[in-house]
Amino acid sequence: MARVLLLFTHAPHDGSRAREGLDAGLAALAFEHELSVLFAGAGVALLRPGVQGTTGLRAWTAGLRALPVHGANRIGADADALAMHGIDPGTLL
């Protein structure tokens, strides 16, 4: 089993990047790889409530919630990036 780190660093302006990353993470889990997910920099904006309305992010929240169900054992967000973007950790998805 390989270890895979999925790192989201881009804001949700280009939803296709986030969606493709999520698909890659789910594919890694399907092949029984150990998956960790980290949201850093502008990527923490993907965790805001309501972000699924962004182009290319259809069903984003459902896919994100599926990660731990399918075996992603570590999902985290950079606290400094959350503070820099004015995101309250209590409001994260």
C-alpha atoms as a PDB file:
ATOM      1  CA  MET A   1       0.000   0.000   0.000  1.00  0.00           C
ATOM      2  CA  ALA A   2       1.390   3.395  -1.012  1.00  0.00           C
ATOM      3  CA  ARG A   3       0.935   6.626   0.908  1.00  0.00           C
ATOM      4  CA  VAL A   4      -0.633   9.484  -1.028  1.00  0.00           C
ATOM      5  CA  LEU A   5      -0.887  13.144   0.001  1.00  0.00           C
ATOM      6  CA  LEU A   6      -3.510  15.214  -1.756  1.00  0.00           C
ATOM      7  CA  LEU A   7      -2.637  18.902  -1.394  1.00  0.00           C
ATOM      8  CA  PHE A   8      -5.165  21.590  -2.319  1.00  0.00           C
ATOM      9  CA  THR A   9      -3.493  25.010  -2.716  1.00  0.00           C
ATOM     10  CA  HIS A  10      -5.676  26.780  -5.300  1.00  0.00           C
ATOM     11  CA  ALA A  11      -8.738  28.921  -4.653  1.00  0.00           C
ATOM     12  CA  PRO A  12     -12.040  27.627  -6.000  1.00  0.00           C
ATOM     13  CA  HIS A  13     -11.999  29.978  -9.030  1.00  0.00           C
ATOM     14  CA  ASP A  14     -11.069  27.025 -11.220  1.00  0.00           C
ATOM     15  CA  GLY A  15     -13.323  24.313  -9.857  1.00  0.00           C
ATOM     16  CA  SER A  16     -12.025  21.705 -12.273  1.00  0.00           C
ATOM     17  CA  ARG A  17      -8.689  21.513 -10.431  1.00  0.00           C
ATOM     18  CA  ALA A  18     -10.394  20.800  -7.142  1.00  0.00           C
ATOM     19  CA  ARG A  19     -12.765  18.272  -8.687  1.00  0.00           C
ATOM     20  CA  GLU A  20      -9.905  16.467 -10.432  1.00  0.00           C
ATOM     21  CA  GLY A  21      -7.955  16.369  -7.170  1.00  0.00           C
ATOM     22  CA  LEU A  22     -10.935  14.915  -5.364  1.00  0.00           C
ATOM     23  CA  ASP A  23     -11.375  12.300  -8.100  1.00  0.00           C
ATOM     24  CA  ALA A  24      -7.679  11.398  -7.833  1.00  0.00           C
ATOM     25  CA  GLY A  25      -8.050  10.973  -4.073  1.00  0.00           C
ATOM     26  CA  LEU A  26     -11.064   8.700  -4.462  1.00  0.00           C
ATOM     27  CA  ALA A  27      -9.187   6.683  -7.093  1.00  0.00           C
ATOM     28  CA  ALA A  28      -6.233   6.268  -4.719  1.00  0.00           C
ATOM     29  CA  LEU A  29      -8.621   5.007  -2.056  1.00  0.00           C
ATOM     30  CA  ALA A  30     -10.164   2.570  -4.545  1.00  0.00           C
ATOM     31  CA  PHE A  31      -6.706   1.021  -4.971  1.00  0.00           C
ATOM     32  CA  GLU A  32      -6.360   0.825  -1.183  1.00  0.00           C
ATOM     33  CA  HIS A  33      -3.673   3.481  -0.874  1.00  0.00           C
ATOM     34  CA  GLU A  34      -3.329   5.371   2.399  1.00  0.00           C
ATOM     35  CA  LEU A  35      -4.668   8.877   1.680  1.00  0.00           C
ATOM     36  CA  SER A  36      -4.046  12.102   3.568  1.00  0.00           C
ATOM     37  CA  VAL A  37      -5.596  15.405   2.460  1.00  0.00           C
ATOM     38  CA  LEU A  38      -4.290  18.893   3.279  1.00  0.00           C
ATOM     39  CA  PHE A  39      -5.837  22.253   2.436  1.00  0.00           C
ATOM     40  CA  ALA A  40      -3.206  25.021   2.446  1.00  0.00           C
ATOM     41  CA  GLY A  41      -2.834  28.564   1.168  1.00  0.00           C
ATOM     42  CA  ALA A  42      -5.752  29.689  -0.986  1.00  0.00           C
ATOM     43  CA  GLY A  43      -6.975  26.084  -1.045  1.00  0.00           C
ATOM     44  CA  VAL A  44      -8.629  26.538   2.360  1.00  0.00           C
ATOM     45  CA  ALA A  45     -11.344  28.539   0.554  1.00  0.00           C
ATOM     46  CA  LEU A  46     -12.598  25.214  -0.811  1.00  0.00           C
ATOM     47  CA  LEU A  47     -13.805  24.397   2.689  1.00  0.00           C
ATOM     48  CA  ARG A  48     -16.193  27.337   2.990  1.00  0.00           C
ATOM     49  CA  PRO A  49     -19.887  26.494   3.161  1.00  0.00           C
ATOM     50  CA  GLY A  50     -21.616  27.127  -0.166  1.00  0.00           C
ATOM     51  CA  VAL A  51     -18.517  26.689  -2.314  1.00  0.00           C
ATOM     52  CA  GLN A  52     -20.188  23.862  -4.238  1.00  0.00           C
ATOM     53  CA  GLY A  53     -21.993  26.428  -6.400  1.00  0.00           C
ATOM     54  CA  THR A  54     -18.705  27.372  -8.046  1.00  0.00           C
ATOM     55  CA  THR A  55     -18.241  26.234 -11.646  1.00  0.00           C
ATOM     56  CA  GLY A  56     -16.767  22.746 -11.752  1.00  0.00           C
ATOM     57  CA  LEU A  57     -17.471  22.062  -8.084  1.00  0.00           C
ATOM     58  CA  ARG A  58     -20.833  20.406  -8.463  1.00  0.00           C
ATOM     59  CA  ALA A  59     -21.292  17.928  -5.629  1.00  0.00           C
ATOM     60  CA  TRP A  60     -17.986  19.049  -4.093  1.00  0.00           C
ATOM     61  CA  THR A  61     -19.216  18.764  -0.506  1.00  0.00           C
ATOM     62  CA  ALA A  62     -20.617  15.287  -1.094  1.00  0.00           C
ATOM     63  CA  GLY A  63     -17.318  14.146  -2.575  1.00  0.00           C
ATOM     64  CA  LEU A  64     -15.336  15.702   0.245  1.00  0.00           C
ATOM     65  CA  ARG A  65     -17.521  13.996   2.839  1.00  0.00           C
ATOM     66  CA  ALA A  66     -16.995  10.689   1.017  1.00  0.00           C
ATOM     67  CA  LEU A  67     -13.228  10.721   1.616  1.00  0.00           C
ATOM     68  CA  PRO A  68     -13.287   9.551   5.264  1.00  0.00           C
ATOM     69  CA  VAL A  69     -16.083   7.090   4.505  1.00  0.00           C
ATOM     70  CA  HIS A  70     -13.840   5.423   1.931  1.00  0.00           C
ATOM     71  CA  GLY A  71     -10.774   5.392   4.142  1.00  0.00           C
ATOM     72  CA  ALA A  72      -9.003   8.762   4.058  1.00  0.00           C
ATOM     73  CA  ASN A  73      -7.479   8.758   7.508  1.00  0.00           C
ATOM     74  CA  ARG A  74      -6.137  12.316   7.742  1.00  0.00           C
ATOM     75  CA  ILE A  75      -7.825  15.484   6.510  1.00  0.00           C
ATOM     76  CA  GLY A  76      -6.474  18.825   7.674  1.00  0.00           C
ATOM     77  CA  ALA A  77      -6.312  22.524   6.984  1.00  0.00           C
ATOM     78  CA  ASP A  78      -3.493  24.982   7.577  1.00  0.00           C
ATOM     79  CA  ALA A  79      -4.513  27.125  10.579  1.00  0.00           C
ATOM     80  CA  ASP A  80      -2.435  30.100   9.400  1.00  0.00           C
ATOM     81  CA  ALA A  81      -4.101  30.021   5.974  1.00  0.00           C
ATOM     82  CA  LEU A  82      -7.543  29.827   7.574  1.00  0.00           C
ATOM     83  CA  ALA A  83      -6.765  32.918   9.659  1.00  0.00           C
ATOM     84  CA  MET A  84      -5.254  34.766   6.688  1.00  0.00           C
ATOM     85  CA  HIS A  85      -8.414  34.135   4.625  1.00  0.00           C
ATOM     86  CA  GLY A  86     -10.710  35.075   7.506  1.00  0.00           C
ATOM     87  CA  ILE A  87     -12.225  31.606   7.779  1.00  0.00           C
ATOM     88  CA  ASP A  88     -13.530  30.492  11.143  1.00  0.00           C
ATOM     89  CA  PRO A  89     -12.558  26.807  11.655  1.00  0.00           C
ATOM     90  CA  GLY A  90     -15.988  26.244  13.234  1.00  0.00           C
ATOM     91  CA  THR A  91     -17.685  26.944   9.887  1.00  0.00           C
ATOM     92  CA  LEU A  92     -15.689  24.420   7.839  1.00  0.00           C
ATOM     93  CA  LEU A  93     -17.435  21.637   5.974  1.00  0.00           C
END
